[in-house]
Amino acid sequence: MDRNEYTCKAPMFDGTNYAFWSKRMETYLSSLGFDVWMSVKNGYTVPQVPPTNLDVKREHENNAKAKNTILSDMSDTEFVKVMQYTSIKETWDKLQSIYEGDAKVKEAKLQNFRAQFENMKMKDEEKIANYPQRVDDIVSAIIGLEEVFKDEVTIKKVLRSLTTRYDTKVSAIEEDKELKTLSLDELFGSLSTYEMRTISGESSKREVAFNITKKGKEEDAHEEEDNFDVAVEIFVRKLKKGSGKYKEEEVEAEVDFEGELVSALEELWKVRKEYKMVKYAVAKEQDILNKCLEEFEKKILDLRT
């Protein structure tokens, strides 16, 4: 799209998130001109007769611009609540009264949001990437009620509300950085980097421990199988030789018991070898799958950064 074709739209109001909408609308009206926003803030009395004075005409135009902007970007449900007002300040004050209330209601809302802020705490399994949104929602609600809220207060609260796995990083931040000059973006960026390094390190340790345990179990299993195969081989040889306790003094010619047993054991031996080959093939495929999963996890971490 050509930059000259780009137009910024006024924020739409449907009766929800008034605090956010009012700030956005204030910014938008100010972009139309300083006097346009001043007509909302200071008010304008509509003259009984058409104005002839140039300054009065400009005041009327500024009021009309602001009124057109606000009412045009309002749902029908909200429009009927303010359609009777001629001054845009009356419209603005009415909306403020409806959604923020009087001083007592406003103070009650502030107390509620302050309590939420004080009780705010990071969940045990919560990722640091998700925590800033919860913090920002509460802080924005407080600021939307015209409460002065410094970043330093929010930063100190965030550091107090983190889980114990961030204790080392919190101590380092408090010692090395000046909290008055530290921004929230810098704080969460630093915590995100620490989280990724910590998770990566713990994953590597768990992987090494798992591989060692897995290797040990596989070696034990292979050793047991090898011992069994050796025992079968020795037993078959003894039967073939007819030596030791397996040698019969009298064997009827028509019944070849030893031959049948030897054949059965050889067949068992062959089946076990095939089983081992299949088992090793499956284990190899499992290793390939594990490597693919590791590469996938690394790509996910790279995307997060």
C-alpha atoms as a PDB file:
ATOM      1  CA  MET A   1       0.000   0.000   0.000  1.00  0.00           C
ATOM      2  CA  ASP A   2       1.221   3.482  -0.885  1.00  0.00           C
ATOM      3  CA  ARG A   3       2.038   5.523   2.204  1.00  0.00           C
ATOM      4  CA  ASN A   4      -0.088   8.378   0.872  1.00  0.00           C
ATOM      5  CA  GLU A   5      -3.111   6.060   0.864  1.00  0.00           C
ATOM      6  CA  TYR A   6      -2.763   5.200   4.531  1.00  0.00           C
ATOM      7  CA  THR A   7      -5.337   6.725   6.860  1.00  0.00           C
ATOM      8  CA  CYS A   8      -5.533   6.359  10.613  1.00  0.00           C
ATOM      9  CA  LYS A   9      -9.009   5.433  11.838  1.00  0.00           C
ATOM     10  CA  ALA A  10     -10.557   6.701  15.033  1.00  0.00           C
ATOM     11  CA  PRO A  11     -11.013   4.026  17.727  1.00  0.00           C
ATOM     12  CA  MET A  12     -14.431   2.375  17.826  1.00  0.00           C
ATOM     13  CA  PHE A  13     -16.381   2.359  21.098  1.00  0.00           C
ATOM     14  CA  ASP A  14     -18.859  -0.429  21.849  1.00  0.00           C
ATOM     15  CA  GLY A  15     -19.274   0.104  25.593  1.00  0.00           C
ATOM     16  CA  THR A  16     -16.263  -1.955  26.681  1.00  0.00           C
ATOM     17  CA  ASN A  17     -12.757  -0.937  27.803  1.00  0.00           C
ATOM     18  CA  TYR A  18     -13.706   2.696  28.217  1.00  0.00           C
ATOM     19  CA  ALA A  19     -10.402   3.644  29.868  1.00  0.00           C
ATOM     20  CA  PHE A  20      -8.406   2.407  26.869  1.00  0.00           C
ATOM     21  CA  TRP A  21     -10.816   3.874  24.326  1.00  0.00           C
ATOM     22  CA  SER A  22     -10.835   7.332  25.928  1.00  0.00           C
ATOM     23  CA  LYS A  23      -7.025   7.554  25.851  1.00  0.00           C
ATOM     24  CA  ARG A  24      -6.910   6.460  22.219  1.00  0.00           C
ATOM     25  CA  MET A  25      -9.654   8.901  21.264  1.00  0.00           C
ATOM     26  CA  GLU A  26      -7.882  11.744  23.066  1.00  0.00           C
ATOM     27  CA  THR A  27      -4.749  11.001  21.047  1.00  0.00           C
ATOM     28  CA  TYR A  28      -6.671  10.804  17.807  1.00  0.00           C
ATOM     29  CA  LEU A  29      -8.521  14.082  18.369  1.00  0.00           C
ATOM     30  CA  SER A  30      -5.256  15.807  19.271  1.00  0.00           C
ATOM     31  CA  SER A  31      -3.827  14.600  15.952  1.00  0.00           C
ATOM     32  CA  LEU A  32      -6.653  16.468  14.186  1.00  0.00           C
ATOM     33  CA  GLY A  33      -5.537  19.674  15.852  1.00  0.00           C
ATOM     34  CA  PHE A  34      -4.871  21.107  19.273  1.00  0.00           C
ATOM     35  CA  ASP A  35      -8.060  23.172  19.229  1.00  0.00           C
ATOM     36  CA  VAL A  36     -10.143  20.104  18.320  1.00  0.00           C
ATOM     37  CA  TRP A  37      -9.210  18.350  21.545  1.00  0.00           C
ATOM     38  CA  MET A  38      -9.553  21.594  23.526  1.00  0.00           C
ATOM     39  CA  SER A  39     -13.178  21.840  22.401  1.00  0.00           C
ATOM     40  CA  VAL A  40     -13.756  18.491  24.149  1.00  0.00           C
ATOM     41  CA  LYS A  41     -11.779  19.370  27.235  1.00  0.00           C
ATOM     42  CA  ASN A  42     -12.907  22.976  27.750  1.00  0.00           C
ATOM     43  CA  GLY A  43     -16.315  22.830  26.135  1.00  0.00           C
ATOM     44  CA  TYR A  44     -18.118  24.930  23.549  1.00  0.00           C
ATOM     45  CA  THR A  45     -21.393  26.784  23.746  1.00  0.00           C
ATOM     46  CA  VAL A  46     -23.364  26.548  20.544  1.00  0.00           C
ATOM     47  CA  PRO A  47     -24.515  30.056  19.485  1.00  0.00           C
ATOM     48  CA  GLN A  48     -28.198  30.768  18.931  1.00  0.00           C
ATOM     49  CA  VAL A  49     -27.479  32.372  15.566  1.00  0.00           C
ATOM     50  CA  PRO A  50     -24.939  31.410  12.904  1.00  0.00           C
ATOM     51  CA  PRO A  51     -21.517  32.851  13.868  1.00  0.00           C
ATOM     52  CA  THR A  52     -19.959  35.557  11.758  1.00  0.00           C
ATOM     53  CA  ASN A  53     -16.776  36.105  13.733  1.00  0.00           C
ATOM     54  CA  LEU A  54     -13.877  34.085  12.328  1.00  0.00           C
ATOM     55  CA  ASP A  55     -12.686  32.852  15.732  1.00  0.00           C
ATOM     56  CA  VAL A  56     -16.171  31.755  16.719  1.00  0.00           C
ATOM     57  CA  LYS A  57     -16.520  29.934  13.397  1.00  0.00           C
ATOM     58  CA  ARG A  58     -13.297  28.028  14.100  1.00  0.00           C
ATOM     59  CA  GLU A  59     -14.529  27.043  17.550  1.00  0.00           C
ATOM     60  CA  HIS A  60     -17.734  25.791  15.981  1.00  0.00           C
ATOM     61  CA  GLU A  61     -15.791  23.804  13.356  1.00  0.00           C
ATOM     62  CA  ASN A  62     -13.521  22.259  15.991  1.00  0.00           C
ATOM     63  CA  ASN A  63     -16.534  21.212  18.049  1.00  0.00           C
ATOM     64  CA  ALA A  64     -18.166  19.720  14.942  1.00  0.00           C
ATOM     65  CA  LYS A  65     -14.995  17.797  14.021  1.00  0.00           C
ATOM     66  CA  ALA A  66     -14.684  16.303  17.485  1.00  0.00           C
ATOM     67  CA  LYS A  67     -18.389  15.491  17.673  1.00  0.00           C
ATOM     68  CA  ASN A  68     -18.419  13.868  14.246  1.00  0.00           C
ATOM     69  CA  THR A  69     -15.348  11.791  15.085  1.00  0.00           C
ATOM     70  CA  ILE A  70     -16.680  10.470  18.384  1.00  0.00           C
ATOM     71  CA  LEU A  71     -20.281   9.822  17.333  1.00  0.00           C
ATOM     72  CA  SER A  72     -19.317   8.251  13.991  1.00  0.00           C
ATOM     73  CA  ASP A  73     -17.123   5.669  15.734  1.00  0.00           C
ATOM     74  CA  MET A  74     -19.693   4.626  18.305  1.00  0.00           C
ATOM     75  CA  SER A  75     -22.063   1.661  18.274  1.00  0.00           C
ATOM     76  CA  ASP A  76     -25.815   2.311  18.032  1.00  0.00           C
ATOM     77  CA  THR A  77     -26.287   1.215  21.641  1.00  0.00           C
ATOM     78  CA  GLU A  78     -23.834   3.835  22.884  1.00  0.00           C
ATOM     79  CA  PHE A  79     -24.978   6.501  20.437  1.00  0.00           C
ATOM     80  CA  VAL A  80     -28.514   6.678  21.845  1.00  0.00           C
ATOM     81  CA  LYS A  81     -27.095   7.457  25.279  1.00  0.00           C
ATOM     82  CA  VAL A  82     -25.580  10.773  24.114  1.00  0.00           C
ATOM     83  CA  MET A  83     -27.423  11.719  20.931  1.00  0.00           C
ATOM     84  CA  GLN A  84     -29.328  14.568  22.620  1.00  0.00           C
ATOM     85  CA  TYR A  85     -26.220  16.636  23.435  1.00  0.00           C
ATOM     86  CA  THR A  86     -25.088  19.479  21.134  1.00  0.00           C
ATOM     87  CA  SER A  87     -21.714  20.131  22.792  1.00  0.00           C
ATOM     88  CA  ILE A  88     -19.064  17.468  22.471  1.00  0.00           C
ATOM     89  CA  LYS A  89     -17.908  18.184  26.030  1.00  0.00           C
ATOM     90  CA  GLU A  90     -21.377  17.212  27.272  1.00  0.00           C
ATOM     91  CA  THR A  91     -21.106  13.989  25.294  1.00  0.00           C
ATOM     92  CA  TRP A  92     -17.636  13.267  26.640  1.00  0.00           C
ATOM     93  CA  ASP A  93     -18.600  14.011  30.257  1.00  0.00           C
ATOM     94  CA  LYS A  94     -21.701  11.816  29.959  1.00  0.00           C
ATOM     95  CA  LEU A  95     -19.673   8.831  28.778  1.00  0.00           C
ATOM     96  CA  GLN A  96     -17.158   9.431  31.548  1.00  0.00           C
ATOM     97  CA  SER A  97     -19.956   9.534  34.122  1.00  0.00           C
ATOM     98  CA  ILE A  98     -21.474   6.300  32.815  1.00  0.00           C
ATOM     99  CA  TYR A  99     -18.299   4.242  32.640  1.00  0.00           C
ATOM    100  CA  GLU A 100     -16.125   5.773  35.345  1.00  0.00           C
ATOM    101  CA  GLY A 101     -18.800   7.055  37.716  1.00  0.00           C
ATOM    102  CA  ASP A 102     -18.485   9.906  40.147  1.00  0.00           C
ATOM    103  CA  ALA A 103     -15.542  10.481  42.464  1.00  0.00           C
ATOM    104  CA  LYS A 104     -16.704   7.818  44.937  1.00  0.00           C
ATOM    105  CA  VAL A 105     -17.187   5.165  42.273  1.00  0.00           C
ATOM    106  CA  LYS A 106     -13.849   6.038  40.711  1.00  0.00           C
ATOM    107  CA  GLU A 107     -12.088   5.740  44.057  1.00  0.00           C
ATOM    108  CA  ALA A 108     -13.745   2.359  44.689  1.00  0.00           C
ATOM    109  CA  LYS A 109     -12.478   1.096  41.327  1.00  0.00           C
ATOM    110  CA  LEU A 110      -9.007   2.384  42.095  1.00  0.00           C
ATOM    111  CA  GLN A 111      -9.001   0.569  45.438  1.00  0.00           C
ATOM    112  CA  ASN A 112      -9.987  -2.639  43.687  1.00  0.00           C
ATOM    113  CA  PHE A 113      -7.229  -2.361  41.088  1.00  0.00           C
ATOM    114  CA  ARG A 114      -4.664  -1.374  43.722  1.00  0.00           C
ATOM    115  CA  ALA A 115      -5.551  -4.520  45.680  1.00  0.00           C
ATOM    116  CA  GLN A 116      -5.124  -6.613  42.535  1.00  0.00           C
ATOM    117  CA  PHE A 117      -1.741  -4.996  41.974  1.00  0.00           C
ATOM    118  CA  GLU A 118      -0.552  -5.663  45.516  1.00  0.00           C
ATOM    119  CA  ASN A 119      -1.742  -9.299  45.425  1.00  0.00           C
ATOM    120  CA  MET A 120      -0.289  -9.909  41.972  1.00  0.00           C
ATOM    121  CA  LYS A 121       2.052 -12.904  41.910  1.00  0.00           C
ATOM    122  CA  MET A 122       3.606 -15.002  39.187  1.00  0.00           C
ATOM    123  CA  LYS A 123       2.223 -18.536  38.964  1.00  0.00           C
ATOM    124  CA  ASP A 124       4.565 -21.477  39.526  1.00  0.00           C
ATOM    125  CA  GLU A 125       4.277 -22.883  35.991  1.00  0.00           C
ATOM    126  CA  GLU A 126       3.827 -19.510  34.256  1.00  0.00           C
ATOM    127  CA  LYS A 127       6.274 -18.461  31.557  1.00  0.00           C
ATOM    128  CA  ILE A 128       7.880 -15.053  31.849  1.00  0.00           C
ATOM    129  CA  ALA A 129       6.579 -14.214  28.352  1.00  0.00           C
ATOM    130  CA  ASN A 130       2.974 -14.414  29.620  1.00  0.00           C
ATOM    131  CA  TYR A 131       3.456 -12.472  32.845  1.00  0.00           C
ATOM    132  CA  PRO A 132       3.903  -8.941  31.389  1.00  0.00           C
ATOM    133  CA  GLN A 133       0.391  -9.006  29.915  1.00  0.00           C
ATOM    134  CA  ARG A 134      -1.200  -9.620  33.315  1.00  0.00           C
ATOM    135  CA  VAL A 135       0.908  -6.858  34.840  1.00  0.00           C
ATOM    136  CA  ASP A 136       0.119  -4.435  32.029  1.00  0.00           C
ATOM    137  CA  ASP A 137      -3.650  -5.062  32.244  1.00  0.00           C
ATOM    138  CA  ILE A 138      -3.770  -4.051  35.906  1.00  0.00           C
ATOM    139  CA  VAL A 139      -1.407  -1.105  35.579  1.00  0.00           C
ATOM    140  CA  SER A 140      -3.247   0.207  32.497  1.00  0.00           C
ATOM    141  CA  ALA A 141      -6.566   0.022  34.354  1.00  0.00           C
ATOM    142  CA  ILE A 142      -5.112   2.100  37.209  1.00  0.00           C
ATOM    143  CA  ILE A 143      -3.592   4.664  34.844  1.00  0.00           C
ATOM    144  CA  GLY A 144      -6.883   4.782  32.936  1.00  0.00           C
ATOM    145  CA  LEU A 145      -8.525   6.074  36.115  1.00  0.00           C
ATOM    146  CA  GLU A 146      -6.011   8.959  36.074  1.00  0.00           C
ATOM    147  CA  GLU A 147      -3.792   7.564  38.811  1.00  0.00           C
ATOM    148  CA  VAL A 148      -0.126   8.520  38.518  1.00  0.00           C
ATOM    149  CA  PHE A 149       1.858   5.296  38.376  1.00  0.00           C
ATOM    150  CA  LYS A 150       5.631   5.227  37.963  1.00  0.00           C
ATOM    151  CA  ASP A 151       7.499   2.385  36.258  1.00  0.00           C
ATOM    152  CA  GLU A 152       9.790   2.089  39.267  1.00  0.00           C
ATOM    153  CA  VAL A 153       6.838   1.036  41.443  1.00  0.00           C
ATOM    154  CA  THR A 154       5.797  -1.604  38.901  1.00  0.00           C
ATOM    155  CA  ILE A 155       9.357  -2.915  38.521  1.00  0.00           C
ATOM    156  CA  LYS A 156       9.813  -3.338  42.275  1.00  0.00           C
ATOM    157  CA  LYS A 157       6.487  -5.153  42.493  1.00  0.00           C
ATOM    158  CA  VAL A 158       7.401  -7.478  39.609  1.00  0.00           C
ATOM    159  CA  LEU A 159      10.707  -8.367  41.254  1.00  0.00           C
ATOM    160  CA  ARG A 160       8.892  -9.187  44.511  1.00  0.00           C
ATOM    161  CA  SER A 161       6.231 -11.255  42.767  1.00  0.00           C
ATOM    162  CA  LEU A 162       8.467 -13.616  40.783  1.00  0.00           C
ATOM    163  CA  THR A 163       8.777 -17.288  41.706  1.00  0.00           C
ATOM    164  CA  THR A 164      11.787 -18.587  43.637  1.00  0.00           C
ATOM    165  CA  ARG A 165      13.529 -19.881  40.510  1.00  0.00           C
ATOM    166  CA  TYR A 166      14.311 -16.238  39.648  1.00  0.00           C
ATOM    167  CA  ASP A 167      15.860 -15.386  43.035  1.00  0.00           C
ATOM    168  CA  THR A 168      19.402 -15.388  41.688  1.00  0.00           C
ATOM    169  CA  LYS A 169      18.526 -13.111  38.787  1.00  0.00           C
ATOM    170  CA  VAL A 170      16.497 -10.753  40.998  1.00  0.00           C
ATOM    171  CA  SER A 171      19.474 -10.318  43.346  1.00  0.00           C
ATOM    172  CA  ALA A 172      21.759  -9.579  40.406  1.00  0.00           C
ATOM    173  CA  ILE A 173      19.345  -6.976  38.989  1.00  0.00           C
ATOM    174  CA  GLU A 174      18.929  -5.235  42.337  1.00  0.00           C
ATOM    175  CA  GLU A 175      22.703  -5.066  42.838  1.00  0.00           C
ATOM    176  CA  ASP A 176      23.841  -4.175  39.322  1.00  0.00           C
ATOM    177  CA  LYS A 177      21.066  -1.967  37.945  1.00  0.00           C
ATOM    178  CA  GLU A 178      19.564   1.360  38.953  1.00  0.00           C
ATOM    179  CA  LEU A 179      15.844   0.624  39.243  1.00  0.00           C
ATOM    180  CA  LYS A 180      14.910   4.270  38.647  1.00  0.00           C
ATOM    181  CA  THR A 181      16.373   4.151  35.126  1.00  0.00           C
ATOM    182  CA  LEU A 182      15.391   0.559  34.332  1.00  0.00           C
ATOM    183  CA  SER A 183      12.392   0.178  32.011  1.00  0.00           C
ATOM    184  CA  LEU A 184       9.814  -2.615  32.135  1.00  0.00           C
ATOM    185  CA  ASP A 185      10.839  -3.789  28.660  1.00  0.00           C
ATOM    186  CA  GLU A 186      14.462  -4.095  29.761  1.00  0.00           C
ATOM    187  CA  LEU A 187      13.427  -5.959  32.897  1.00  0.00           C
ATOM    188  CA  PHE A 188      11.275  -8.537  31.136  1.00  0.00           C
ATOM    189  CA  GLY A 189      13.842  -8.889  28.362  1.00  0.00           C
ATOM    190  CA  SER A 190      16.523  -9.707  30.927  1.00  0.00           C
ATOM    191  CA  LEU A 191      14.217 -12.167  32.715  1.00  0.00           C
ATOM    192  CA  SER A 192      13.299 -13.855  29.417  1.00  0.00           C
ATOM    193  CA  THR A 193      16.961 -14.374  28.557  1.00  0.00           C
ATOM    194  CA  TYR A 194      17.615 -15.802  32.009  1.00  0.00           C
ATOM    195  CA  GLU A 195      14.618 -18.131  31.726  1.00  0.00           C
ATOM    196  CA  MET A 196      15.723 -19.480  28.344  1.00  0.00           C
ATOM    197  CA  ARG A 197      19.243 -20.122  29.580  1.00  0.00           C
ATOM    198  CA  THR A 198      18.007 -21.778  32.745  1.00  0.00           C
ATOM    199  CA  ILE A 199      15.481 -23.987  30.958  1.00  0.00           C
ATOM    200  CA  SER A 200      18.062 -24.899  28.323  1.00  0.00           C
ATOM    201  CA  GLY A 201      20.573 -25.811  31.031  1.00  0.00           C
ATOM    202  CA  GLU A 202      18.074 -27.874  33.006  1.00  0.00           C
ATOM    203  CA  SER A 203      16.925 -29.621  29.827  1.00  0.00           C
ATOM    204  CA  SER A 204      20.506 -30.507  28.955  1.00  0.00           C
ATOM    205  CA  LYS A 205      21.104 -31.920  32.435  1.00  0.00           C
ATOM    206  CA  ARG A 206      17.900 -33.956  32.294  1.00  0.00           C
ATOM    207  CA  GLU A 207      18.824 -35.202  28.829  1.00  0.00           C
ATOM    208  CA  VAL A 208      22.285 -36.309  29.939  1.00  0.00           C
ATOM    209  CA  ALA A 209      20.834 -38.075  32.981  1.00  0.00           C
ATOM    210  CA  PHE A 210      18.193 -39.753  30.833  1.00  0.00           C
ATOM    211  CA  ASN A 211      20.736 -40.902  28.253  1.00  0.00           C
ATOM    212  CA  ILE A 212      23.021 -42.322  30.957  1.00  0.00           C
ATOM    213  CA  THR A 213      20.132 -44.191  32.570  1.00  0.00           C
ATOM    214  CA  LYS A 214      18.872 -45.404  29.210  1.00  0.00           C
ATOM    215  CA  LYS A 215      22.337 -46.542  28.153  1.00  0.00           C
ATOM    216  CA  GLY A 216      22.817 -48.384  31.438  1.00  0.00           C
ATOM    217  CA  LYS A 217      19.502 -50.196  31.076  1.00  0.00           C
ATOM    218  CA  GLU A 218      20.234 -51.118  27.475  1.00  0.00           C
ATOM    219  CA  GLU A 219      23.672 -52.476  28.407  1.00  0.00           C
ATOM    220  CA  ASP A 220      22.149 -54.565  31.223  1.00  0.00           C
ATOM    221  CA  ALA A 221      19.500 -55.916  28.870  1.00  0.00           C
ATOM    222  CA  HIS A 222      22.056 -56.728  26.186  1.00  0.00           C
ATOM    223  CA  GLU A 223      24.257 -58.437  28.761  1.00  0.00           C
ATOM    224  CA  GLU A 224      21.362 -60.607  29.949  1.00  0.00           C
ATOM    225  CA  GLU A 225      20.478 -61.529  26.373  1.00  0.00           C
ATOM    226  CA  ASP A 226      24.085 -62.363  25.540  1.00  0.00           C
ATOM    227  CA  ASN A 227      24.379 -64.532  28.676  1.00  0.00           C
ATOM    228  CA  PHE A 228      21.206 -66.388  27.728  1.00  0.00           C
ATOM    229  CA  ASP A 229      22.436 -66.965  24.181  1.00  0.00           C
ATOM    230  CA  VAL A 230      25.749 -68.318  25.464  1.00  0.00           C
ATOM    231  CA  ALA A 231      23.925 -70.663  27.837  1.00  0.00           C
ATOM    232  CA  VAL A 232      21.712 -71.957  25.032  1.00  0.00           C
ATOM    233  CA  GLU A 233      24.717 -72.462  22.762  1.00  0.00           C
ATOM    234  CA  ILE A 234      26.599 -74.438  25.427  1.00  0.00           C
ATOM    235  CA  PHE A 235      23.534 -76.535  26.169  1.00  0.00           C
ATOM    236  CA  VAL A 236      23.050 -77.386  22.482  1.00  0.00           C
ATOM    237  CA  ARG A 237      26.706 -78.358  22.094  1.00  0.00           C
ATOM    238  CA  LYS A 238      26.528 -80.658  25.094  1.00  0.00           C
ATOM    239  CA  LEU A 239      23.448 -82.334  23.713  1.00  0.00           C
ATOM    240  CA  LYS A 240      25.094 -82.789  20.326  1.00  0.00           C
ATOM    241  CA  LYS A 241      28.180 -84.332  21.925  1.00  0.00           C
ATOM    242  CA  GLY A 242      26.124 -86.443  24.315  1.00  0.00           C
ATOM    243  CA  SER A 243      28.517 -85.679  27.141  1.00  0.00           C
ATOM    244  CA  GLY A 244      28.077 -85.208  30.872  1.00  0.00           C
ATOM    245  CA  LYS A 245      24.717 -85.669  32.553  1.00  0.00           C
ATOM    246  CA  TYR A 246      22.919 -85.185  29.217  1.00  0.00           C
ATOM    247  CA  LYS A 247      24.331 -88.486  27.846  1.00  0.00           C
ATOM    248  CA  GLU A 248      21.794 -91.299  28.001  1.00  0.00           C
ATOM    249  CA  GLU A 249      23.150 -94.813  28.564  1.00  0.00           C
ATOM    250  CA  GLU A 250      20.300 -96.406  26.736  1.00  0.00           C
ATOM    251  CA  VAL A 251      18.426 -94.655  23.961  1.00  0.00           C
ATOM    252  CA  GLU A 252      15.840 -96.342  21.840  1.00  0.00           C
ATOM    253  CA  ALA A 253      16.694 -96.069  18.150  1.00  0.00           C
ATOM    254  CA  GLU A 254      13.182 -95.183  17.087  1.00  0.00           C
ATOM    255  CA  VAL A 255      12.917 -92.076  19.412  1.00  0.00           C
ATOM    256  CA  ASP A 256      15.467 -89.287  18.767  1.00  0.00           C
ATOM    257  CA  PHE A 257      14.664 -87.171  21.854  1.00  0.00           C
ATOM    258  CA  GLU A 258      17.978 -85.315  21.832  1.00  0.00           C
ATOM    259  CA  GLY A 259      17.623 -84.441  18.150  1.00  0.00           C
ATOM    260  CA  GLU A 260      14.156 -83.020  18.648  1.00  0.00           C
ATOM    261  CA  LEU A 261      15.288 -80.940  21.617  1.00  0.00           C
ATOM    262  CA  VAL A 262      18.341 -79.657  19.778  1.00  0.00           C
ATOM    263  CA  SER A 263      16.189 -78.632  16.817  1.00  0.00           C
ATOM    264  CA  ALA A 264      13.770 -76.809  19.119  1.00  0.00           C
ATOM    265  CA  LEU A 265      16.558 -74.946  20.885  1.00  0.00           C
ATOM    266  CA  GLU A 266      18.201 -73.991  17.601  1.00  0.00           C
ATOM    267  CA  GLU A 267      14.869 -72.644  16.363  1.00  0.00           C
ATOM    268  CA  LEU A 268      14.517 -70.691  19.631  1.00  0.00           C
ATOM    269  CA  TRP A 269      18.015 -69.338  19.203  1.00  0.00           C
ATOM    270  CA  LYS A 270      17.213 -68.206  15.656  1.00  0.00           C
ATOM    271  CA  VAL A 271      13.987 -66.503  16.778  1.00  0.00           C
ATOM    272  CA  ARG A 272      15.823 -64.655  19.558  1.00  0.00           C
ATOM    273  CA  LYS A 273      18.404 -63.353  17.089  1.00  0.00           C
ATOM    274  CA  GLU A 274      15.634 -62.059  14.841  1.00  0.00           C
ATOM    275  CA  TYR A 275      13.995 -60.469  17.864  1.00  0.00           C
ATOM    276  CA  LYS A 276      17.246 -58.723  18.799  1.00  0.00           C
ATOM    277  CA  MET A 277      17.636 -57.377  15.263  1.00  0.00           C
ATOM    278  CA  VAL A 278      14.115 -55.958  15.322  1.00  0.00           C
ATOM    279  CA  LYS A 279      14.670 -54.528  18.808  1.00  0.00           C
ATOM    280  CA  TYR A 280      17.899 -52.781  17.761  1.00  0.00           C
ATOM    281  CA  ALA A 281      16.160 -51.370  14.662  1.00  0.00           C
ATOM    282  CA  VAL A 282      13.346 -49.965  16.815  1.00  0.00           C
ATOM    283  CA  ALA A 283      15.866 -48.447  19.235  1.00  0.00           C
ATOM    284  CA  LYS A 284      17.669 -46.793  16.321  1.00  0.00           C
ATOM    285  CA  GLU A 285      14.415 -45.310  15.042  1.00  0.00           C
ATOM    286  CA  GLN A 286      13.675 -44.049  18.567  1.00  0.00           C
ATOM    287  CA  ASP A 287      17.054 -42.291  18.678  1.00  0.00           C
ATOM    288  CA  ILE A 288      16.286 -40.599  15.351  1.00  0.00           C
ATOM    289  CA  LEU A 289      12.891 -39.480  16.683  1.00  0.00           C
ATOM    290  CA  ASN A 290      14.482 -38.080  19.860  1.00  0.00           C
ATOM    291  CA  LYS A 291      16.979 -36.083  17.803  1.00  0.00           C
ATOM    292  CA  CYS A 292      14.153 -34.655  15.675  1.00  0.00           C
ATOM    293  CA  LEU A 293      12.286 -33.599  18.826  1.00  0.00           C
ATOM    294  CA  GLU A 294      15.426 -31.929  20.206  1.00  0.00           C
ATOM    295  CA  GLU A 295      15.900 -29.951  16.983  1.00  0.00           C
ATOM    296  CA  PHE A 296      12.218 -28.947  17.060  1.00  0.00           C
ATOM    297  CA  GLU A 297      12.537 -27.674  20.664  1.00  0.00           C
ATOM    298  CA  LYS A 298      15.621 -25.655  19.715  1.00  0.00           C
ATOM    299  CA  LYS A 299      13.740 -24.046  16.821  1.00  0.00           C
ATOM    300  CA  ILE A 300      10.879 -23.136  19.168  1.00  0.00           C
ATOM    301  CA  LEU A 301      13.342 -21.458  21.578  1.00  0.00           C
ATOM    302  CA  ASP A 302      14.943 -19.581  18.668  1.00  0.00           C
ATOM    303  CA  LEU A 303      11.544 -18.291  17.574  1.00  0.00           C
ATOM    304  CA  ARG A 304      10.810 -17.039  21.102  1.00  0.00           C
ATOM    305  CA  THR A 305      14.005 -15.012  21.132  1.00  0.00           C
END
